[in-house]
Amino acid sequence: MNAALLDFPPAGPLPRDLMERALDPHILLGMPHLNGSGLSETWLMKELGHRHWLMLARHLGIDNADFRTAEGEEAYAAICATSLAAARFDTVCANDILTIHSRLSAVSRTQTSTRHELSVYGRSVGTVELISTFVHRRIKGNNHSIARVTLRGAQAQRFEFSPLAQNAADIRNGRLGTHFGFPVFANEALRTFKFYPSTSQEFNGAGLFYFAEYQALVDRALENWFPGRGPVVQREVYFLGNIEKNESVFFELIECSVETATIYGLLRRQNGKVIARIFNTS
């Protein structure tokens, strides 16, 4: 038999190699990365979430982001807080090269931070921090049963202080009285907007309402109430829960300041539970 006639499929790249490519700091921007006001925050958060998970996998010494509990069950690195600061997304255009310099640090036994410095041709256009914790479903297929979990192979390590992580813990435990100048636990809504998230568009591959879509819902409500408002320059989102598919979501405007162009609002699922607290300044 002539060996030259055998058809051996070429070996593809290894997942580890593709992880390194996905973490390349430079991205040539085009239509998928932009919106009518410049760089798309929703695209950016999805991209940085992906990088966060890949950086976690690399940090843990595994070849992909297939995270597992100590019992071998599927786990997810759920984003529990995000911070966007000094954003200048309206200065970003098609064919610009966005550079993302990222750094990972452990902030507690169960939480990890990645900080991403964004620039275009050496000019800063913003800074983003993401905090994640590992979670799993206590009830299979039930997004209301999401709970924190210890990852298999997790080891003690040196922790770095993160004000964002501290604020998230203080909000979750009822210890933070005010933030952005607003009382955190005020509950009376000035206005309410109802959404019906799309299963095919706004849920991720794990079947969870995608963290990047929380802020997108907020923007839709604010654009409806305040047309012509300026671009967001600072935003913090604190995530407190998830929703089921085909479940409605309410955004409640709790406080706003015309002088500082700052708002504070809540996202609630249809049973009234708060699933996020959002602060942003335009």
C-alpha atoms as a PDB file:
ATOM      1  CA  MET A   1       0.000   0.000   0.000  1.00  0.00           C
ATOM      2  CA  ASN A   2       1.231   3.426  -0.914  1.00  0.00           C
ATOM      3  CA  ALA A   3       1.430   5.491   2.304  1.00  0.00           C
ATOM      4  CA  ALA A   4       1.025   8.647   0.236  1.00  0.00           C
ATOM      5  CA  LEU A   5      -2.600   7.653  -0.443  1.00  0.00           C
ATOM      6  CA  LEU A   6      -3.573   7.567   3.213  1.00  0.00           C
ATOM      7  CA  ASP A   7      -5.618  10.578   4.287  1.00  0.00           C
ATOM      8  CA  PHE A   8      -4.559  11.613   7.788  1.00  0.00           C
ATOM      9  CA  PRO A   9      -6.419  14.704   9.013  1.00  0.00           C
ATOM     10  CA  PRO A  10      -4.019  17.456  10.081  1.00  0.00           C
ATOM     11  CA  ALA A  11      -3.637  17.865  13.820  1.00  0.00           C
ATOM     12  CA  GLY A  12      -5.535  20.921  15.048  1.00  0.00           C
ATOM     13  CA  PRO A  13      -4.297  23.415  17.594  1.00  0.00           C
ATOM     14  CA  LEU A  14      -4.466  22.450  21.253  1.00  0.00           C
ATOM     15  CA  PRO A  15      -6.979  24.249  23.513  1.00  0.00           C
ATOM     16  CA  ARG A  16      -4.084  25.608  25.561  1.00  0.00           C
ATOM     17  CA  ASP A  17      -2.630  27.241  22.433  1.00  0.00           C
ATOM     18  CA  LEU A  18      -5.973  28.784  21.544  1.00  0.00           C
ATOM     19  CA  MET A  19      -6.337  30.138  25.085  1.00  0.00           C
ATOM     20  CA  GLU A  20      -3.092  32.024  24.636  1.00  0.00           C
ATOM     21  CA  ARG A  21      -4.267  33.411  21.279  1.00  0.00           C
ATOM     22  CA  ALA A  22      -7.563  34.534  22.818  1.00  0.00           C
ATOM     23  CA  LEU A  23      -5.592  36.486  25.428  1.00  0.00           C
ATOM     24  CA  ASP A  24      -3.624  38.468  22.831  1.00  0.00           C
ATOM     25  CA  PRO A  25      -3.715  42.074  24.073  1.00  0.00           C
ATOM     26  CA  HIS A  26      -4.464  43.666  20.671  1.00  0.00           C
ATOM     27  CA  ILE A  27      -7.828  43.655  18.833  1.00  0.00           C
ATOM     28  CA  LEU A  28      -8.549  45.333  15.484  1.00  0.00           C
ATOM     29  CA  LEU A  29     -11.971  46.905  15.988  1.00  0.00           C
ATOM     30  CA  GLY A  30     -14.826  46.626  13.530  1.00  0.00           C
ATOM     31  CA  MET A  31     -18.606  46.508  13.508  1.00  0.00           C
ATOM     32  CA  PRO A  32     -18.978  43.606  16.031  1.00  0.00           C
ATOM     33  CA  HIS A  33     -17.122  45.653  18.642  1.00  0.00           C
ATOM     34  CA  LEU A  34     -18.904  48.984  18.202  1.00  0.00           C
ATOM     35  CA  ASN A  35     -22.284  50.625  18.621  1.00  0.00           C
ATOM     36  CA  GLY A  36     -23.713  53.996  17.615  1.00  0.00           C
ATOM     37  CA  SER A  37     -21.737  55.744  20.366  1.00  0.00           C
ATOM     38  CA  GLY A  38     -18.318  54.101  20.005  1.00  0.00           C
ATOM     39  CA  LEU A  39     -16.982  51.009  21.762  1.00  0.00           C
ATOM     40  CA  SER A  40     -19.790  48.657  22.814  1.00  0.00           C
ATOM     41  CA  GLU A  41     -19.820  48.111  26.570  1.00  0.00           C
ATOM     42  CA  THR A  42     -21.891  44.941  26.159  1.00  0.00           C
ATOM     43  CA  TRP A  43     -19.394  43.433  23.696  1.00  0.00           C
ATOM     44  CA  LEU A  44     -16.509  44.535  25.923  1.00  0.00           C
ATOM     45  CA  MET A  45     -17.930  42.906  29.050  1.00  0.00           C
ATOM     46  CA  LYS A  46     -18.484  39.642  27.173  1.00  0.00           C
ATOM     47  CA  GLU A  47     -14.909  39.764  25.855  1.00  0.00           C
ATOM     48  CA  LEU A  48     -13.446  40.565  29.269  1.00  0.00           C
ATOM     49  CA  GLY A  49     -15.602  37.895  30.908  1.00  0.00           C
ATOM     50  CA  HIS A  50     -14.172  35.379  28.426  1.00  0.00           C
ATOM     51  CA  ARG A  51     -10.642  36.560  29.187  1.00  0.00           C
ATOM     52  CA  HIS A  52     -11.371  36.389  32.913  1.00  0.00           C
ATOM     53  CA  TRP A  53     -12.392  32.721  32.631  1.00  0.00           C
ATOM     54  CA  LEU A  54      -9.382  31.833  30.458  1.00  0.00           C
ATOM     55  CA  MET A  55      -7.020  33.603  32.846  1.00  0.00           C
ATOM     56  CA  LEU A  56      -8.586  31.640  35.711  1.00  0.00           C
ATOM     57  CA  ALA A  57      -8.081  28.372  33.849  1.00  0.00           C
ATOM     58  CA  ARG A  58      -4.455  29.244  33.138  1.00  0.00           C
ATOM     59  CA  HIS A  59      -3.954  30.276  36.781  1.00  0.00           C
ATOM     60  CA  LEU A  60      -5.356  26.915  37.940  1.00  0.00           C
ATOM     61  CA  GLY A  61      -3.167  25.023  35.477  1.00  0.00           C
ATOM     62  CA  ILE A  62      -5.985  23.492  33.413  1.00  0.00           C
ATOM     63  CA  ASP A  63      -6.201  23.435  29.621  1.00  0.00           C
ATOM     64  CA  ASN A  64      -9.638  25.040  29.269  1.00  0.00           C
ATOM     65  CA  ALA A  65     -12.313  26.694  31.378  1.00  0.00           C
ATOM     66  CA  ASP A  66     -13.976  23.380  32.315  1.00  0.00           C
ATOM     67  CA  PHE A  67     -14.263  24.096  36.035  1.00  0.00           C
ATOM     68  CA  ARG A  68     -15.321  21.298  38.408  1.00  0.00           C
ATOM     69  CA  THR A  69     -16.385  21.022  42.034  1.00  0.00           C
ATOM     70  CA  ALA A  70     -14.594  18.755  44.499  1.00  0.00           C
ATOM     71  CA  GLU A  71     -17.214  16.115  43.588  1.00  0.00           C
ATOM     72  CA  GLY A  72     -16.510  16.496  39.870  1.00  0.00           C
ATOM     73  CA  GLU A  73     -19.722  18.380  39.065  1.00  0.00           C
ATOM     74  CA  GLU A  74     -19.791  21.281  36.615  1.00  0.00           C
ATOM     75  CA  ALA A  75     -19.057  24.691  38.164  1.00  0.00           C
ATOM     76  CA  TYR A  76     -19.066  28.213  36.755  1.00  0.00           C
ATOM     77  CA  ALA A  77     -16.916  31.248  37.462  1.00  0.00           C
ATOM     78  CA  ALA A  78     -19.877  33.577  38.030  1.00  0.00           C
ATOM     79  CA  ILE A  79     -19.231  37.315  37.849  1.00  0.00           C
ATOM     80  CA  CYS A  80     -20.412  38.836  41.143  1.00  0.00           C
ATOM     81  CA  ALA A  81     -19.277  42.466  40.648  1.00  0.00           C
ATOM     82  CA  THR A  82     -18.001  44.672  37.818  1.00  0.00           C
ATOM     83  CA  SER A  83     -16.513  48.144  37.755  1.00  0.00           C
ATOM     84  CA  LEU A  84     -16.005  50.431  34.758  1.00  0.00           C
ATOM     85  CA  ALA A  85     -14.045  53.647  35.384  1.00  0.00           C
ATOM     86  CA  ALA A  86     -12.819  56.618  33.333  1.00  0.00           C
ATOM     87  CA  ALA A  87     -14.564  55.298  30.212  1.00  0.00           C
ATOM     88  CA  ARG A  88     -14.059  57.204  26.963  1.00  0.00           C
ATOM     89  CA  PHE A  89     -15.808  54.768  24.659  1.00  0.00           C
ATOM     90  CA  ASP A  90     -17.200  57.566  22.472  1.00  0.00           C
ATOM     91  CA  THR A  91     -13.638  58.297  21.253  1.00  0.00           C
ATOM     92  CA  VAL A  92     -13.191  54.779  19.827  1.00  0.00           C
ATOM     93  CA  CYS A  93     -13.748  54.159  16.103  1.00  0.00           C
ATOM     94  CA  ALA A  94     -13.713  51.374  13.534  1.00  0.00           C
ATOM     95  CA  ASN A  95     -10.202  50.238  12.537  1.00  0.00           C
ATOM     96  CA  ASP A  96      -8.735  51.429  15.843  1.00  0.00           C
ATOM     97  CA  ILE A  97      -6.565  48.921  17.675  1.00  0.00           C
ATOM     98  CA  LEU A  98      -7.808  48.277  21.208  1.00  0.00           C
ATOM     99  CA  THR A  99      -5.109  47.123  23.620  1.00  0.00           C
ATOM    100  CA  ILE A 100      -6.125  45.228  26.747  1.00  0.00           C
ATOM    101  CA  HIS A 101      -3.544  44.740  29.496  1.00  0.00           C
ATOM    102  CA  SER A 102      -4.910  42.327  32.097  1.00  0.00           C
ATOM    103  CA  ARG A 103      -3.836  41.163  35.537  1.00  0.00           C
ATOM    104  CA  LEU A 104      -5.330  38.452  37.754  1.00  0.00           C
ATOM    105  CA  SER A 105      -5.251  38.351  41.548  1.00  0.00           C
ATOM    106  CA  ALA A 106      -6.967  36.291  44.237  1.00  0.00           C
ATOM    107  CA  VAL A 107      -8.962  38.499  46.605  1.00  0.00           C
ATOM    108  CA  SER A 108     -10.267  35.769  48.947  1.00  0.00           C
ATOM    109  CA  ARG A 109     -10.378  31.984  49.240  1.00  0.00           C
ATOM    110  CA  THR A 110     -13.341  31.888  46.861  1.00  0.00           C
ATOM    111  CA  GLN A 111     -13.051  35.078  44.780  1.00  0.00           C
ATOM    112  CA  THR A 112     -10.780  36.222  41.958  1.00  0.00           C
ATOM    113  CA  SER A 113     -10.277  39.642  40.396  1.00  0.00           C
ATOM    114  CA  THR A 114      -9.084  40.528  36.936  1.00  0.00           C
ATOM    115  CA  ARG A 115      -8.220  44.137  36.149  1.00  0.00           C
ATOM    116  CA  HIS A 116      -8.128  45.290  32.531  1.00  0.00           C
ATOM    117  CA  GLU A 117      -6.487  48.516  31.363  1.00  0.00           C
ATOM    118  CA  LEU A 118      -7.944  49.621  27.999  1.00  0.00           C
ATOM    119  CA  SER A 119      -6.117  51.866  25.556  1.00  0.00           C
ATOM    120  CA  VAL A 120      -6.117  52.896  21.903  1.00  0.00           C
ATOM    121  CA  TYR A 121      -2.697  53.842  20.500  1.00  0.00           C
ATOM    122  CA  GLY A 122      -1.438  54.507  24.016  1.00  0.00           C
ATOM    123  CA  ARG A 123      -4.453  56.651  24.999  1.00  0.00           C
ATOM    124  CA  SER A 124      -6.451  55.307  27.949  1.00  0.00           C
ATOM    125  CA  VAL A 125     -10.143  54.673  27.208  1.00  0.00           C
ATOM    126  CA  GLY A 126     -11.109  53.020  30.482  1.00  0.00           C
ATOM    127  CA  THR A 127     -10.401  50.509  33.223  1.00  0.00           C
ATOM    128  CA  VAL A 128     -12.522  47.471  34.060  1.00  0.00           C
ATOM    129  CA  GLU A 129     -12.402  45.139  37.054  1.00  0.00           C
ATOM    130  CA  LEU A 130     -14.318  41.862  37.261  1.00  0.00           C
ATOM    131  CA  ILE A 131     -14.801  39.834  40.442  1.00  0.00           C
ATOM    132  CA  SER A 132     -15.887  36.207  40.170  1.00  0.00           C
ATOM    133  CA  THR A 133     -16.745  33.371  42.522  1.00  0.00           C
ATOM    134  CA  PHE A 134     -17.340  29.736  41.680  1.00  0.00           C
ATOM    135  CA  VAL A 135     -20.954  28.565  41.780  1.00  0.00           C
ATOM    136  CA  HIS A 136     -23.071  25.548  40.863  1.00  0.00           C
ATOM    137  CA  ARG A 137     -26.760  24.695  40.734  1.00  0.00           C
ATOM    138  CA  ARG A 138     -28.009  22.953  43.875  1.00  0.00           C
ATOM    139  CA  ILE A 139     -31.035  21.862  41.813  1.00  0.00           C
ATOM    140  CA  LYS A 140     -30.275  20.741  38.274  1.00  0.00           C
ATOM    141  CA  GLY A 141     -31.663  23.164  35.679  1.00  0.00           C
ATOM    142  CA  ASN A 142     -32.844  25.677  38.306  1.00  0.00           C
ATOM    143  CA  ASN A 143     -31.196  29.121  38.037  1.00  0.00           C
ATOM    144  CA  HIS A 144     -32.725  30.210  41.360  1.00  0.00           C
ATOM    145  CA  SER A 145     -30.675  27.494  43.115  1.00  0.00           C
ATOM    146  CA  ILE A 146     -27.256  28.958  42.207  1.00  0.00           C
ATOM    147  CA  ALA A 147     -24.920  28.750  45.222  1.00  0.00           C
ATOM    148  CA  ARG A 148     -21.229  29.258  45.883  1.00  0.00           C
ATOM    149  CA  VAL A 149     -18.956  26.245  45.846  1.00  0.00           C
ATOM    150  CA  THR A 150     -15.292  25.399  46.452  1.00  0.00           C
ATOM    151  CA  LEU A 151     -13.468  24.397  43.293  1.00  0.00           C
ATOM    152  CA  ARG A 152     -11.632  21.095  43.031  1.00  0.00           C
ATOM    153  CA  GLY A 153      -7.900  21.636  43.494  1.00  0.00           C
ATOM    154  CA  ALA A 154      -8.294  25.087  45.067  1.00  0.00           C
ATOM    155  CA  GLN A 155      -5.304  25.982  47.221  1.00  0.00           C
ATOM    156  CA  ALA A 156      -4.486  28.591  49.835  1.00  0.00           C
ATOM    157  CA  GLN A 157      -2.683  31.579  48.344  1.00  0.00           C
ATOM    158  CA  ARG A 158      -1.802  35.162  48.990  1.00  0.00           C
ATOM    159  CA  PHE A 159      -4.769  37.533  48.706  1.00  0.00           C
ATOM    160  CA  GLU A 160      -4.840  41.129  47.434  1.00  0.00           C
ATOM    161  CA  PHE A 161      -7.287  43.726  48.701  1.00  0.00           C
ATOM    162  CA  SER A 162      -9.964  44.851  46.219  1.00  0.00           C
ATOM    163  CA  PRO A 163     -12.301  47.752  47.141  1.00  0.00           C
ATOM    164  CA  LEU A 164     -14.800  46.394  44.592  1.00  0.00           C
ATOM    165  CA  ALA A 165     -14.831  42.973  46.253  1.00  0.00           C
ATOM    166  CA  GLN A 166     -15.163  44.613  49.662  1.00  0.00           C
ATOM    167  CA  ASN A 167     -18.105  46.730  48.504  1.00  0.00           C
ATOM    168  CA  ALA A 168     -19.738  43.629  47.019  1.00  0.00           C
ATOM    169  CA  ALA A 169     -19.410  41.774  50.325  1.00  0.00           C
ATOM    170  CA  ASP A 170     -20.710  44.772  52.298  1.00  0.00           C
ATOM    171  CA  ILE A 171     -23.725  45.162  49.994  1.00  0.00           C
ATOM    172  CA  ARG A 172     -24.468  41.443  50.143  1.00  0.00           C
ATOM    173  CA  ASN A 173     -24.297  41.465  53.957  1.00  0.00           C
ATOM    174  CA  GLY A 174     -26.144  44.766  54.476  1.00  0.00           C
ATOM    175  CA  ARG A 175     -23.130  46.650  55.819  1.00  0.00           C
ATOM    176  CA  LEU A 176     -22.777  49.408  53.184  1.00  0.00           C
ATOM    177  CA  GLY A 177     -25.011  52.377  54.025  1.00  0.00           C
ATOM    178  CA  THR A 178     -24.318  54.705  51.077  1.00  0.00           C
ATOM    179  CA  HIS A 179     -22.600  54.404  47.708  1.00  0.00           C
ATOM    180  CA  PHE A 180     -22.198  57.013  44.952  1.00  0.00           C
ATOM    181  CA  GLY A 181     -23.889  59.322  47.455  1.00  0.00           C
ATOM    182  CA  PHE A 182     -27.116  57.264  47.540  1.00  0.00           C
ATOM    183  CA  PRO A 183     -28.604  55.139  50.367  1.00  0.00           C
ATOM    184  CA  VAL A 184     -27.934  51.569  49.232  1.00  0.00           C
ATOM    185  CA  PHE A 185     -31.004  49.966  50.784  1.00  0.00           C
ATOM    186  CA  ALA A 186     -33.616  52.490  49.667  1.00  0.00           C
ATOM    187  CA  ASN A 187     -36.406  50.578  47.960  1.00  0.00           C
ATOM    188  CA  GLU A 188     -39.028  53.057  46.727  1.00  0.00           C
ATOM    189  CA  ALA A 189     -38.841  53.235  42.936  1.00  0.00           C
ATOM    190  CA  LEU A 190     -39.141  56.516  41.051  1.00  0.00           C
ATOM    191  CA  ARG A 191     -39.781  54.655  37.788  1.00  0.00           C
ATOM    192  CA  THR A 192     -40.033  51.012  36.709  1.00  0.00           C
ATOM    193  CA  PHE A 193     -39.323  49.367  33.361  1.00  0.00           C
ATOM    194  CA  LYS A 194     -40.321  45.768  32.574  1.00  0.00           C
ATOM    195  CA  PHE A 195     -38.300  43.461  30.309  1.00  0.00           C
ATOM    196  CA  TYR A 196     -38.805  40.022  28.818  1.00  0.00           C
ATOM    197  CA  PRO A 197     -35.242  38.759  28.191  1.00  0.00           C
ATOM    198  CA  SER A 198     -34.756  36.576  25.123  1.00  0.00           C
ATOM    199  CA  THR A 199     -33.672  32.993  25.761  1.00  0.00           C
ATOM    200  CA  SER A 200     -31.808  32.885  22.453  1.00  0.00           C
ATOM    201  CA  GLN A 201     -30.096  36.266  22.806  1.00  0.00           C
ATOM    202  CA  GLU A 202     -29.483  37.105  26.475  1.00  0.00           C
ATOM    203  CA  PHE A 203     -28.702  33.766  28.125  1.00  0.00           C
ATOM    204  CA  ASN A 204     -25.232  32.228  27.926  1.00  0.00           C
ATOM    205  CA  GLY A 205     -24.066  28.699  27.122  1.00  0.00           C
ATOM    206  CA  ALA A 206     -24.493  27.671  30.762  1.00  0.00           C
ATOM    207  CA  GLY A 207     -28.188  28.582  30.555  1.00  0.00           C
ATOM    208  CA  LEU A 208     -27.745  31.616  32.843  1.00  0.00           C
ATOM    209  CA  PHE A 209     -28.828  35.194  32.193  1.00  0.00           C
ATOM    210  CA  TYR A 210     -25.517  36.626  30.922  1.00  0.00           C
ATOM    211  CA  PHE A 211     -23.854  39.095  33.282  1.00  0.00           C
ATOM    212  CA  ALA A 212     -23.125  41.499  30.406  1.00  0.00           C
ATOM    213  CA  GLU A 213     -26.859  41.810  29.720  1.00  0.00           C
ATOM    214  CA  TYR A 214     -27.672  43.279  33.142  1.00  0.00           C
ATOM    215  CA  GLN A 215     -26.142  46.656  32.269  1.00  0.00           C
ATOM    216  CA  ALA A 216     -27.640  46.425  28.776  1.00  0.00           C
ATOM    217  CA  LEU A 217     -31.154  46.298  30.268  1.00  0.00           C
ATOM    218  CA  VAL A 218     -30.338  49.316  32.437  1.00  0.00           C
ATOM    219  CA  ASP A 219     -29.233  51.316  29.387  1.00  0.00           C
ATOM    220  CA  ARG A 220     -32.436  50.468  27.509  1.00  0.00           C
ATOM    221  CA  ALA A 221     -34.544  51.806  30.354  1.00  0.00           C
ATOM    222  CA  LEU A 222     -32.432  54.957  30.807  1.00  0.00           C
ATOM    223  CA  GLU A 223     -32.477  55.729  27.078  1.00  0.00           C
ATOM    224  CA  ASN A 224     -36.248  55.436  27.144  1.00  0.00           C
ATOM    225  CA  TRP A 225     -36.598  57.751  30.149  1.00  0.00           C
ATOM    226  CA  PHE A 226     -33.746  60.175  29.425  1.00  0.00           C
ATOM    227  CA  PRO A 227     -33.133  60.422  25.645  1.00  0.00           C
ATOM    228  CA  GLY A 228     -29.977  62.268  24.712  1.00  0.00           C
ATOM    229  CA  ARG A 229     -28.128  61.511  27.944  1.00  0.00           C
ATOM    230  CA  GLY A 230     -24.327  61.355  27.707  1.00  0.00           C
ATOM    231  CA  PRO A 231     -22.240  58.170  27.522  1.00  0.00           C
ATOM    232  CA  VAL A 232     -21.500  56.269  30.707  1.00  0.00           C
ATOM    233  CA  VAL A 233     -18.083  57.109  32.180  1.00  0.00           C
ATOM    234  CA  GLN A 234     -18.369  55.074  35.385  1.00  0.00           C
ATOM    235  CA  ARG A 235     -20.498  52.077  36.296  1.00  0.00           C
ATOM    236  CA  GLU A 236     -20.559  49.501  39.055  1.00  0.00           C
ATOM    237  CA  VAL A 237     -22.828  46.451  39.028  1.00  0.00           C
ATOM    238  CA  TYR A 238     -23.280  44.119  42.002  1.00  0.00           C
ATOM    239  CA  PHE A 239     -24.876  40.782  41.077  1.00  0.00           C
ATOM    240  CA  LEU A 240     -27.123  39.073  43.623  1.00  0.00           C
ATOM    241  CA  GLY A 241     -28.983  36.420  41.660  1.00  0.00           C
ATOM    242  CA  ASN A 242     -30.118  35.058  38.315  1.00  0.00           C
ATOM    243  CA  ILE A 243     -33.378  34.360  36.512  1.00  0.00           C
ATOM    244  CA  GLU A 244     -35.067  31.462  34.802  1.00  0.00           C
ATOM    245  CA  LYS A 245     -35.664  31.369  31.081  1.00  0.00           C
ATOM    246  CA  ASN A 246     -38.939  33.082  30.100  1.00  0.00           C
ATOM    247  CA  GLU A 247     -38.935  35.060  33.369  1.00  0.00           C
ATOM    248  CA  SER A 248     -39.566  38.801  33.325  1.00  0.00           C
ATOM    249  CA  VAL A 249     -37.157  41.353  34.868  1.00  0.00           C
ATOM    250  CA  PHE A 250     -37.887  44.809  36.293  1.00  0.00           C
ATOM    251  CA  PHE A 251     -35.445  47.713  36.398  1.00  0.00           C
ATOM    252  CA  GLU A 252     -36.314  50.188  39.153  1.00  0.00           C
ATOM    253  CA  LEU A 253     -34.813  53.661  39.229  1.00  0.00           C
ATOM    254  CA  ILE A 254     -34.261  54.311  42.945  1.00  0.00           C
ATOM    255  CA  GLU A 255     -32.283  57.582  43.007  1.00  0.00           C
ATOM    256  CA  CYS A 256     -30.840  60.013  40.475  1.00  0.00           C
ATOM    257  CA  SER A 257     -28.840  63.236  40.603  1.00  0.00           C
ATOM    258  CA  VAL A 258     -29.100  65.752  37.775  1.00  0.00           C
ATOM    259  CA  GLU A 259     -26.071  67.664  39.093  1.00  0.00           C
ATOM    260  CA  THR A 260     -23.716  64.659  38.961  1.00  0.00           C
ATOM    261  CA  ALA A 261     -25.541  62.753  36.170  1.00  0.00           C
ATOM    262  CA  THR A 262     -25.538  59.736  38.475  1.00  0.00           C
ATOM    263  CA  ILE A 263     -28.230  57.093  38.932  1.00  0.00           C
ATOM    264  CA  TYR A 264     -28.839  54.161  41.266  1.00  0.00           C
ATOM    265  CA  GLY A 265     -31.193  51.351  40.335  1.00  0.00           C
ATOM    266  CA  LEU A 266     -32.200  47.772  41.043  1.00  0.00           C
ATOM    267  CA  LEU A 267     -32.925  44.793  38.839  1.00  0.00           C
ATOM    268  CA  ARG A 268     -35.605  42.509  40.271  1.00  0.00           C
ATOM    269  CA  ARG A 269     -36.952  39.225  39.008  1.00  0.00           C
ATOM    270  CA  GLN A 270     -40.702  38.733  38.844  1.00  0.00           C
ATOM    271  CA  ASN A 271     -40.983  37.388  42.419  1.00  0.00           C
ATOM    272  CA  GLY A 272     -39.507  40.673  43.720  1.00  0.00           C
ATOM    273  CA  LYS A 273     -36.032  39.416  44.647  1.00  0.00           C
ATOM    274  CA  VAL A 274     -33.247  41.906  43.886  1.00  0.00           C
ATOM    275  CA  ILE A 275     -30.760  40.330  41.462  1.00  0.00           C
ATOM    276  CA  ALA A 276     -28.490  43.357  40.940  1.00  0.00           C
ATOM    277  CA  ARG A 277     -27.688  46.838  42.267  1.00  0.00           C
ATOM    278  CA  ILE A 278     -26.380  49.248  39.616  1.00  0.00           C
ATOM    279  CA  PHE A 279     -24.672  52.627  40.005  1.00  0.00           C
ATOM    280  CA  ASN A 280     -23.543  54.700  37.023  1.00  0.00           C
ATOM    281  CA  THR A 281     -22.427  58.181  36.061  1.00  0.00           C
ATOM    282  CA  SER A 282     -22.669  59.720  32.596  1.00  0.00           C
END
